[in-house]
Amino acid sequence: MKRTLVGLLGLLLVGAAGCRASDHDFDALVHGVERQYSVHAQRVPLMGFVSLCALVKTHGGVRSLQVAQFDDFHGADTQALSGLVQKELGPKWRPFVRSQHSDHGQSTGDTSLIYVAPQGDLMRMMIVDASDHELNIVRMKMDGKELAQYLRSEGEHPGRRVSN
């Protein structure tokens, strides 16, 4: 029993170290936002547990999640934010969605950016959402086949709500 417990603990530590090594893009983006906008990120507690729950609930569709939240965020000029995201993520990441809503033609407002980067059978996604003086960054890895199946089903049934 003790040997099994030590073995499980070792696997968890090795897995956690491997996850952290692959998260450098997320960390670089968070640190870049902190430097550029003089704000400090709040990491969401228990994300490892949430990530595990997502893995189980989606039957492996969502592999991992990370979230950083910036409160009291000001100056979300869409062009500047988009440029910062692309610079920090690097050339492996490609813009997938860019959405902006502003009042009276201002360059600031609600901004949502999604960047993607394939990694083998997985699709890495970086979601940046700025609105109401708050900025959230979410990194997730999804099974590429599951994502393609979801996008196909959405194309067949646009506006369909998914509930489980």
N, C-alpha and C. Protein backbone atom coordinates (compact mmCIF):
# COMPACT_ATOMS: atom_id res chain seq x y z
N MET A 1 0.82 -1.19 0.00
CA MET A 1 0.00 0.00 0.00
C MET A 1 0.86 1.25 0.00
N LYS A 2 1.89 1.24 0.86
CA LYS A 2 2.77 2.41 0.94
C LYS A 2 3.53 2.60 -0.37
N ARG A 3 3.97 1.51 -0.97
CA ARG A 3 4.70 1.58 -2.25
C ARG A 3 3.81 2.15 -3.35
N THR A 4 2.54 1.75 -3.36
CA THR A 4 1.60 2.25 -4.36
C THR A 4 1.37 3.74 -4.18
N LEU A 5 1.22 4.17 -2.92
CA LEU A 5 1.01 5.59 -2.64
C LEU A 5 2.22 6.42 -3.06
N VAL A 6 3.41 5.93 -2.78
CA VAL A 6 4.63 6.64 -3.19
C VAL A 6 4.74 6.69 -4.70
N GLY A 7 4.38 5.61 -5.38
CA GLY A 7 4.40 5.57 -6.84
C GLY A 7 3.43 6.56 -7.45
N LEU A 8 2.21 6.63 -6.90
CA LEU A 8 1.22 7.59 -7.38
C LEU A 8 1.68 9.02 -7.17
N LEU A 9 2.26 9.29 -6.00
CA LEU A 9 2.78 10.63 -5.72
C LEU A 9 3.88 10.99 -6.71
N GLY A 10 4.76 10.05 -7.00
CA GLY A 10 5.83 10.28 -7.98
C GLY A 10 5.29 10.60 -9.36
N LEU A 11 4.27 9.84 -9.79
CA LEU A 11 3.65 10.10 -11.10
C LEU A 11 3.00 11.48 -11.14
N LEU A 12 2.34 11.87 -10.06
CA LEU A 12 1.74 13.20 -10.01
C LEU A 12 2.78 14.29 -10.11
N LEU A 13 3.90 14.13 -9.39
CA LEU A 13 4.95 15.14 -9.43
C LEU A 13 5.60 15.23 -10.80
N VAL A 14 5.86 14.09 -11.42
CA VAL A 14 6.45 14.09 -12.77
C VAL A 14 5.47 14.70 -13.76
N GLY A 15 4.18 14.35 -13.64
CA GLY A 15 3.17 14.92 -14.53
C GLY A 15 3.04 16.41 -14.35
N ALA A 16 3.06 16.87 -13.10
CA ALA A 16 2.97 18.30 -12.83
C ALA A 16 4.17 19.03 -13.39
N ALA A 17 5.35 18.46 -13.26
CA ALA A 17 6.55 19.10 -13.80
C ALA A 17 6.47 19.18 -15.32
N GLY A 18 5.96 18.14 -15.96
CA GLY A 18 5.80 18.15 -17.41
C GLY A 18 4.80 19.18 -17.87
N CYS A 19 3.70 19.34 -17.11
CA CYS A 19 2.71 20.35 -17.46
C CYS A 19 3.29 21.74 -17.34
N ARG A 20 4.03 22.02 -16.30
CA ARG A 20 4.62 23.34 -16.12
C ARG A 20 5.62 23.65 -17.22
N ALA A 21 6.35 22.64 -17.67
CA ALA A 21 7.34 22.88 -18.72
C ALA A 21 6.66 23.30 -20.02
N SER A 22 5.46 22.81 -20.26
CA SER A 22 4.77 23.15 -21.52
C SER A 22 3.94 24.42 -21.41
N ASP A 23 3.90 25.04 -20.24
CA ASP A 23 3.06 26.21 -20.03
C ASP A 23 3.81 27.52 -20.23
N HIS A 24 4.99 27.48 -20.82
CA HIS A 24 5.79 28.71 -20.94
C HIS A 24 5.09 29.77 -21.79
N ASP A 25 4.28 29.38 -22.77
CA ASP A 25 3.56 30.36 -23.58
C ASP A 25 2.55 31.13 -22.72
N PHE A 26 1.82 30.41 -21.89
CA PHE A 26 0.85 31.03 -21.00
C PHE A 26 1.55 31.98 -20.03
N ASP A 27 2.62 31.49 -19.41
CA ASP A 27 3.37 32.32 -18.45
C ASP A 27 3.97 33.55 -19.12
N ALA A 28 4.49 33.40 -20.34
CA ALA A 28 5.07 34.54 -21.05
C ALA A 28 4.00 35.59 -21.34
N LEU A 29 2.81 35.15 -21.73
CA LEU A 29 1.72 36.09 -22.01
C LEU A 29 1.29 36.80 -20.74
N VAL A 30 1.13 36.06 -19.65
CA VAL A 30 0.71 36.67 -18.39
C VAL A 30 1.74 37.70 -17.93
N HIS A 31 3.02 37.34 -17.99
CA HIS A 31 4.07 38.28 -17.58
C HIS A 31 4.15 39.48 -18.51
N GLY A 32 3.91 39.27 -19.80
CA GLY A 32 3.91 40.37 -20.76
C GLY A 32 2.79 41.37 -20.46
N VAL A 33 1.60 40.87 -20.12
CA VAL A 33 0.49 41.75 -19.76
C VAL A 33 0.82 42.50 -18.47
N GLU A 34 1.40 41.79 -17.50
CA GLU A 34 1.78 42.44 -16.24
C GLU A 34 2.75 43.59 -16.48
N ARG A 35 3.75 43.35 -17.33
CA ARG A 35 4.74 44.40 -17.63
C ARG A 35 4.11 45.57 -18.40
N GLN A 36 3.39 45.25 -19.44
CA GLN A 36 2.84 46.28 -20.33
C GLN A 36 1.81 47.18 -19.64
N TYR A 37 0.96 46.58 -18.83
CA TYR A 37 -0.16 47.32 -18.26
C TYR A 37 -0.02 47.58 -16.76
N SER A 38 1.10 47.24 -16.17
CA SER A 38 1.36 47.47 -14.73
C SER A 38 0.23 46.92 -13.86
N VAL A 39 -0.14 45.69 -14.11
CA VAL A 39 -1.16 44.99 -13.33
C VAL A 39 -0.60 43.66 -12.87
N HIS A 40 -1.26 43.06 -11.91
CA HIS A 40 -0.79 41.77 -11.40
C HIS A 40 -1.89 40.72 -11.58
N ALA A 41 -1.52 39.57 -12.09
CA ALA A 41 -2.48 38.50 -12.34
C ALA A 41 -2.83 37.77 -11.05
N GLN A 42 -4.07 37.38 -10.98
CA GLN A 42 -4.52 36.49 -9.92
C GLN A 42 -4.74 35.13 -10.56
N ARG A 43 -4.04 34.13 -10.06
CA ARG A 43 -4.25 32.77 -10.58
C ARG A 43 -5.46 32.17 -9.88
N VAL A 44 -6.25 31.45 -10.62
CA VAL A 44 -7.43 30.82 -10.06
C VAL A 44 -7.00 29.59 -9.28
N PRO A 45 -7.38 29.53 -7.99
CA PRO A 45 -6.96 28.40 -7.17
C PRO A 45 -7.61 27.08 -7.62
N LEU A 46 -6.94 26.00 -7.34
CA LEU A 46 -7.43 24.64 -7.61
C LEU A 46 -7.64 24.34 -9.09
N MET A 47 -6.90 25.03 -9.97
CA MET A 47 -7.07 24.79 -11.41
C MET A 47 -6.64 23.38 -11.80
N GLY A 48 -5.70 22.80 -11.08
CA GLY A 48 -5.33 21.42 -11.35
C GLY A 48 -6.51 20.49 -11.17
N PHE A 49 -7.28 20.71 -10.12
CA PHE A 49 -8.47 19.90 -9.86
C PHE A 49 -9.54 20.17 -10.92
N VAL A 50 -9.74 21.44 -11.25
CA VAL A 50 -10.72 21.81 -12.28
C VAL A 50 -10.34 21.17 -13.62
N SER A 51 -9.04 21.20 -13.92
CA SER A 51 -8.55 20.62 -15.16
C SER A 51 -8.82 19.11 -15.19
N LEU A 52 -8.60 18.45 -14.07
CA LEU A 52 -8.88 17.02 -13.97
C LEU A 52 -10.37 16.74 -14.16
N CYS A 53 -11.22 17.55 -13.54
CA CYS A 53 -12.67 17.39 -13.72
C CYS A 53 -13.08 17.58 -15.18
N ALA A 54 -12.48 18.57 -15.85
CA ALA A 54 -12.78 18.81 -17.27
C ALA A 54 -12.35 17.61 -18.11
N LEU A 55 -11.21 17.05 -17.79
CA LEU A 55 -10.72 15.87 -18.52
C LEU A 55 -11.70 14.71 -18.39
N VAL A 56 -12.18 14.48 -17.17
CA VAL A 56 -13.11 13.38 -16.93
C VAL A 56 -14.47 13.67 -17.58
N LYS A 57 -14.99 14.87 -17.38
CA LYS A 57 -16.32 15.23 -17.89
C LYS A 57 -16.37 15.19 -19.42
N THR A 58 -15.29 15.60 -20.07
CA THR A 58 -15.29 15.65 -21.54
C THR A 58 -14.70 14.38 -22.15
N HIS A 59 -14.46 13.38 -21.32
CA HIS A 59 -13.90 12.10 -21.77
C HIS A 59 -12.61 12.30 -22.57
N GLY A 60 -11.77 13.20 -22.08
CA GLY A 60 -10.49 13.46 -22.72
C GLY A 60 -10.51 14.55 -23.76
N GLY A 61 -11.66 15.17 -24.00
CA GLY A 61 -11.75 16.24 -24.99
C GLY A 61 -10.97 17.48 -24.59
N VAL A 62 -11.09 17.87 -23.33
CA VAL A 62 -10.31 18.99 -22.79
C VAL A 62 -9.23 18.40 -21.91
N ARG A 63 -7.98 18.67 -22.25
CA ARG A 63 -6.86 18.04 -21.55
C ARG A 63 -6.33 18.84 -20.38
N SER A 64 -6.29 20.14 -20.49
CA SER A 64 -5.77 20.94 -19.38
C SER A 64 -6.26 22.38 -19.51
N LEU A 65 -6.34 23.04 -18.37
CA LEU A 65 -6.81 24.42 -18.32
C LEU A 65 -5.90 25.22 -17.40
N GLN A 66 -5.71 26.48 -17.74
CA GLN A 66 -5.05 27.44 -16.87
C GLN A 66 -5.79 28.75 -17.02
N VAL A 67 -5.93 29.49 -15.93
CA VAL A 67 -6.65 30.76 -15.96
C VAL A 67 -5.86 31.79 -15.16
N ALA A 68 -5.75 32.99 -15.72
CA ALA A 68 -5.21 34.15 -15.01
C ALA A 68 -6.21 35.28 -15.16
N GLN A 69 -6.46 35.98 -14.06
CA GLN A 69 -7.43 37.06 -14.08
C GLN A 69 -6.76 38.34 -13.61
N PHE A 70 -7.03 39.42 -14.35
CA PHE A 70 -6.51 40.74 -14.01
C PHE A 70 -7.70 41.63 -13.68
N ASP A 71 -7.78 42.07 -12.43
CA ASP A 71 -8.82 43.02 -12.04
C ASP A 71 -8.28 44.43 -12.21
N ASP A 72 -9.17 45.40 -12.29
CA ASP A 72 -8.80 46.81 -12.44
C ASP A 72 -7.86 47.02 -13.63
N PHE A 73 -8.23 46.40 -14.75
CA PHE A 73 -7.44 46.47 -15.98
C PHE A 73 -7.97 47.63 -16.82
N HIS A 74 -7.10 48.53 -17.21
CA HIS A 74 -7.48 49.69 -18.01
C HIS A 74 -6.59 49.75 -19.26
N GLY A 75 -7.10 50.33 -20.30
CA GLY A 75 -6.29 50.56 -21.49
C GLY A 75 -6.27 49.41 -22.46
N ALA A 76 -7.40 48.73 -22.63
CA ALA A 76 -7.45 47.58 -23.52
C ALA A 76 -7.65 48.00 -24.96
N ASP A 77 -6.73 48.77 -25.51
CA ASP A 77 -6.75 49.10 -26.93
C ASP A 77 -6.60 47.79 -27.70
N THR A 78 -7.57 47.50 -28.53
CA THR A 78 -7.62 46.19 -29.20
C THR A 78 -6.37 45.92 -30.02
N GLN A 79 -5.92 46.89 -30.79
CA GLN A 79 -4.72 46.69 -31.62
C GLN A 79 -3.49 46.41 -30.75
N ALA A 80 -3.32 47.21 -29.70
CA ALA A 80 -2.15 47.03 -28.82
C ALA A 80 -2.21 45.68 -28.11
N LEU A 81 -3.39 45.30 -27.62
CA LEU A 81 -3.53 44.03 -26.92
C LEU A 81 -3.28 42.87 -27.87
N SER A 82 -3.82 42.94 -29.07
CA SER A 82 -3.60 41.89 -30.07
C SER A 82 -2.12 41.77 -30.43
N GLY A 83 -1.46 42.90 -30.58
CA GLY A 83 -0.02 42.89 -30.89
C GLY A 83 0.79 42.28 -29.76
N LEU A 84 0.44 42.61 -28.52
CA LEU A 84 1.14 42.05 -27.36
C LEU A 84 0.95 40.54 -27.29
N VAL A 85 -0.27 40.08 -27.50
CA VAL A 85 -0.56 38.64 -27.45
C VAL A 85 0.28 37.92 -28.51
N GLN A 86 0.27 38.42 -29.75
CA GLN A 86 1.02 37.77 -30.83
C GLN A 86 2.51 37.77 -30.53
N LYS A 87 3.03 38.88 -30.01
CA LYS A 87 4.46 38.98 -29.70
C LYS A 87 4.87 37.98 -28.62
N GLU A 88 4.07 37.90 -27.56
CA GLU A 88 4.42 37.02 -26.44
C GLU A 88 4.24 35.54 -26.79
N LEU A 89 3.25 35.23 -27.61
CA LEU A 89 3.01 33.83 -27.96
C LEU A 89 3.98 33.33 -29.03
N GLY A 90 4.36 34.19 -29.94
CA GLY A 90 5.30 33.79 -30.97
C GLY A 90 4.63 33.25 -32.22
N PRO A 91 5.45 32.87 -33.20
CA PRO A 91 4.93 32.51 -34.52
C PRO A 91 4.18 31.18 -34.59
N LYS A 92 4.32 30.31 -33.60
CA LYS A 92 3.60 29.03 -33.63
C LYS A 92 2.10 29.21 -33.40
N TRP A 93 1.74 30.33 -32.79
CA TRP A 93 0.34 30.60 -32.48
C TRP A 93 -0.27 31.44 -33.60
N ARG A 94 -1.48 31.08 -34.00
CA ARG A 94 -2.18 31.78 -35.08
C ARG A 94 -3.49 32.37 -34.56
N PRO A 95 -3.84 33.59 -35.02
CA PRO A 95 -5.14 34.16 -34.65
C PRO A 95 -6.27 33.30 -35.21
N PHE A 96 -7.27 33.05 -34.40
CA PHE A 96 -8.41 32.22 -34.80
C PHE A 96 -9.70 33.04 -34.76
N VAL A 97 -9.88 33.83 -33.69
CA VAL A 97 -11.06 34.69 -33.54
C VAL A 97 -10.60 36.02 -32.97
N ARG A 98 -11.15 37.08 -33.53
CA ARG A 98 -10.92 38.42 -32.98
C ARG A 98 -12.24 39.14 -33.00
N SER A 99 -12.71 39.54 -31.82
CA SER A 99 -13.99 40.20 -31.70
C SER A 99 -13.82 41.45 -30.86
N GLN A 100 -14.43 42.55 -31.34
CA GLN A 100 -14.32 43.81 -30.62
C GLN A 100 -15.69 44.47 -30.60
N HIS A 101 -16.04 45.00 -29.45
CA HIS A 101 -17.25 45.80 -29.33
C HIS A 101 -16.87 47.08 -28.61
N SER A 102 -17.09 48.20 -29.27
CA SER A 102 -16.78 49.48 -28.63
C SER A 102 -17.93 50.45 -28.87
N ASP A 103 -18.06 51.37 -27.95
CA ASP A 103 -19.10 52.40 -28.08
C ASP A 103 -18.53 53.62 -28.79
N HIS A 104 -19.26 54.13 -29.73
CA HIS A 104 -18.92 55.38 -30.41
C HIS A 104 -17.56 55.33 -31.12
N GLY A 105 -17.19 54.17 -31.67
CA GLY A 105 -15.98 54.08 -32.47
C GLY A 105 -14.67 54.21 -31.71
N GLN A 106 -14.69 54.06 -30.39
CA GLN A 106 -13.45 54.14 -29.62
C GLN A 106 -12.58 52.93 -29.89
N SER A 107 -11.27 53.08 -29.62
CA SER A 107 -10.36 51.95 -29.84
C SER A 107 -10.34 51.01 -28.65
N THR A 108 -10.99 51.37 -27.55
CA THR A 108 -11.08 50.49 -26.39
C THR A 108 -12.50 49.98 -26.27
N GLY A 109 -12.68 48.92 -25.53
CA GLY A 109 -13.99 48.32 -25.34
C GLY A 109 -13.84 46.87 -25.01
N ASP A 110 -14.87 46.09 -25.27
CA ASP A 110 -14.81 44.65 -25.02
C ASP A 110 -14.05 43.99 -26.16
N THR A 111 -13.04 43.22 -25.82
CA THR A 111 -12.21 42.56 -26.82
C THR A 111 -12.07 41.08 -26.47
N SER A 112 -12.27 40.22 -27.44
CA SER A 112 -12.04 38.78 -27.26
C SER A 112 -11.10 38.32 -28.36
N LEU A 113 -10.04 37.64 -27.97
CA LEU A 113 -9.06 37.10 -28.91
C LEU A 113 -8.88 35.61 -28.62
N ILE A 114 -8.85 34.81 -29.66
CA ILE A 114 -8.54 33.39 -29.51
C ILE A 114 -7.41 33.07 -30.48
N TYR A 115 -6.34 32.52 -29.95
CA TYR A 115 -5.21 32.06 -30.74
C TYR A 115 -5.11 30.55 -30.60
N VAL A 116 -4.68 29.88 -31.66
CA VAL A 116 -4.56 28.42 -31.63
C VAL A 116 -3.18 27.99 -32.11
N ALA A 117 -2.76 26.85 -31.61
CA ALA A 117 -1.49 26.25 -32.04
C ALA A 117 -1.62 24.74 -31.94
N PRO A 118 -1.47 24.03 -33.05
CA PRO A 118 -1.55 22.56 -32.98
C PRO A 118 -0.34 21.98 -32.25
N GLN A 119 -0.58 20.89 -31.55
CA GLN A 119 0.48 20.18 -30.84
C GLN A 119 0.17 18.69 -30.96
N GLY A 120 0.65 18.07 -32.02
CA GLY A 120 0.33 16.67 -32.27
C GLY A 120 -1.16 16.52 -32.53
N ASP A 121 -1.81 15.63 -31.76
CA ASP A 121 -3.26 15.42 -31.89
C ASP A 121 -4.06 16.43 -31.09
N LEU A 122 -3.39 17.35 -30.41
CA LEU A 122 -4.07 18.33 -29.58
C LEU A 122 -4.09 19.70 -30.26
N MET A 123 -5.06 20.49 -29.89
CA MET A 123 -5.13 21.88 -30.31
C MET A 123 -5.02 22.73 -29.05
N ARG A 124 -3.97 23.54 -28.99
CA ARG A 124 -3.82 24.45 -27.87
C ARG A 124 -4.58 25.73 -28.21
N MET A 125 -5.29 26.26 -27.23
CA MET A 125 -6.06 27.49 -27.42
C MET A 125 -5.69 28.47 -26.32
N MET A 126 -5.49 29.72 -26.71
CA MET A 126 -5.25 30.80 -25.75
C MET A 126 -6.38 31.80 -25.97
N ILE A 127 -7.17 32.02 -24.94
CA ILE A 127 -8.32 32.91 -25.02
C ILE A 127 -8.04 34.13 -24.15
N VAL A 128 -8.14 35.31 -24.74
CA VAL A 128 -7.91 36.57 -24.03
C VAL A 128 -9.19 37.37 -24.14
N ASP A 129 -9.77 37.72 -23.00
CA ASP A 129 -11.03 38.45 -22.98
C ASP A 129 -10.90 39.66 -22.08
N ALA A 130 -11.06 40.84 -22.65
CA ALA A 130 -10.97 42.10 -21.90
C ALA A 130 -12.32 42.79 -21.95
N SER A 131 -12.88 43.09 -20.76
CA SER A 131 -14.15 43.81 -20.69
C SER A 131 -14.35 44.35 -19.29
N ASP A 132 -15.03 45.49 -19.22
CA ASP A 132 -15.41 46.08 -17.94
C ASP A 132 -14.26 46.13 -16.94
N HIS A 133 -13.12 46.63 -17.36
CA HIS A 133 -11.94 46.79 -16.50
C HIS A 133 -11.44 45.46 -15.93
N GLU A 134 -11.61 44.40 -16.69
CA GLU A 134 -11.13 43.08 -16.29
C GLU A 134 -10.56 42.39 -17.51
N LEU A 135 -9.47 41.66 -17.31
CA LEU A 135 -8.88 40.88 -18.39
C LEU A 135 -8.70 39.46 -17.89
N ASN A 136 -9.12 38.50 -18.70
CA ASN A 136 -8.96 37.09 -18.37
C ASN A 136 -8.19 36.40 -19.47
N ILE A 137 -7.27 35.54 -19.07
CA ILE A 137 -6.52 34.73 -20.02
C ILE A 137 -6.76 33.27 -19.65
N VAL A 138 -7.17 32.48 -20.64
CA VAL A 138 -7.43 31.06 -20.44
C VAL A 138 -6.62 30.28 -21.45
N ARG A 139 -5.87 29.29 -20.99
CA ARG A 139 -5.16 28.39 -21.88
C ARG A 139 -5.75 27.01 -21.71
N MET A 140 -6.06 26.38 -22.81
CA MET A 140 -6.58 25.02 -22.75
C MET A 140 -6.03 24.19 -23.89
N LYS A 141 -5.98 22.91 -23.65
CA LYS A 141 -5.61 21.96 -24.70
C LYS A 141 -6.82 21.07 -24.95
N MET A 142 -7.16 20.93 -26.22
CA MET A 142 -8.31 20.12 -26.60
C MET A 142 -7.89 19.03 -27.57
N ASP A 143 -8.58 17.94 -27.52
CA ASP A 143 -8.39 16.87 -28.48
C ASP A 143 -8.84 17.39 -29.84
N GLY A 144 -7.96 17.31 -30.83
CA GLY A 144 -8.25 17.85 -32.16
C GLY A 144 -9.47 17.23 -32.82
N LYS A 145 -9.64 15.92 -32.66
CA LYS A 145 -10.79 15.24 -33.26
C LYS A 145 -12.09 15.68 -32.59
N GLU A 146 -12.06 15.82 -31.27
CA GLU A 146 -13.25 16.28 -30.55
C GLU A 146 -13.63 17.70 -30.97
N LEU A 147 -12.63 18.57 -31.11
CA LEU A 147 -12.88 19.94 -31.52
C LEU A 147 -13.46 19.99 -32.93
N ALA A 148 -12.90 19.21 -33.85
CA ALA A 148 -13.41 19.18 -35.23
C ALA A 148 -14.85 18.67 -35.26
N GLN A 149 -15.14 17.65 -34.47
CA GLN A 149 -16.50 17.11 -34.41
C GLN A 149 -17.46 18.16 -33.87
N TYR A 150 -17.06 18.88 -32.84
CA TYR A 150 -17.90 19.93 -32.27
C TYR A 150 -18.16 21.03 -33.30
N LEU A 151 -17.12 21.47 -34.00
CA LEU A 151 -17.28 22.53 -34.99
C LEU A 151 -18.19 22.07 -36.14
N ARG A 152 -18.06 20.80 -36.56
CA ARG A 152 -18.96 20.27 -37.61
C ARG A 152 -20.40 20.27 -37.13
N SER A 153 -20.62 19.84 -35.89
CA SER A 153 -22.00 19.78 -35.38
C SER A 153 -22.58 21.18 -35.21
N GLU A 154 -21.76 22.15 -34.85
CA GLU A 154 -22.22 23.54 -34.75
C GLU A 154 -22.59 24.07 -36.13
N GLY A 155 -21.84 23.67 -37.16
CA GLY A 155 -22.15 24.11 -38.52
C GLY A 155 -23.48 23.56 -38.99
N GLU A 156 -23.82 22.36 -38.54
CA GLU A 156 -25.08 21.74 -38.91
C GLU A 156 -26.24 22.32 -38.11
N HIS A 157 -25.97 22.77 -36.88
CA HIS A 157 -27.00 23.28 -35.98
C HIS A 157 -26.54 24.61 -35.37
N PRO A 158 -26.44 25.68 -36.17
CA PRO A 158 -25.96 26.95 -35.61
C PRO A 158 -26.88 27.47 -34.52
N GLY A 159 -26.26 28.02 -33.49
CA GLY A 159 -27.02 28.58 -32.38
C GLY A 159 -27.51 27.55 -31.39
N ARG A 160 -27.21 26.30 -31.63
CA ARG A 160 -27.65 25.23 -30.73
C ARG A 160 -26.98 25.40 -29.37
N ARG A 161 -27.73 25.22 -28.35
CA ARG A 161 -27.17 25.30 -26.98
C ARG A 161 -26.82 23.90 -26.52
N VAL A 162 -25.63 23.79 -25.93
CA VAL A 162 -25.17 22.51 -25.41
C VAL A 162 -25.42 22.51 -23.92
N SER A 163 -26.09 21.49 -23.42
CA SER A 163 -26.29 21.39 -21.98
C SER A 163 -26.07 19.94 -21.56
N ASN A 164 -25.39 19.80 -20.45
CA ASN A 164 -25.13 18.46 -19.89
C ASN A 164 -25.46 18.44 -18.43
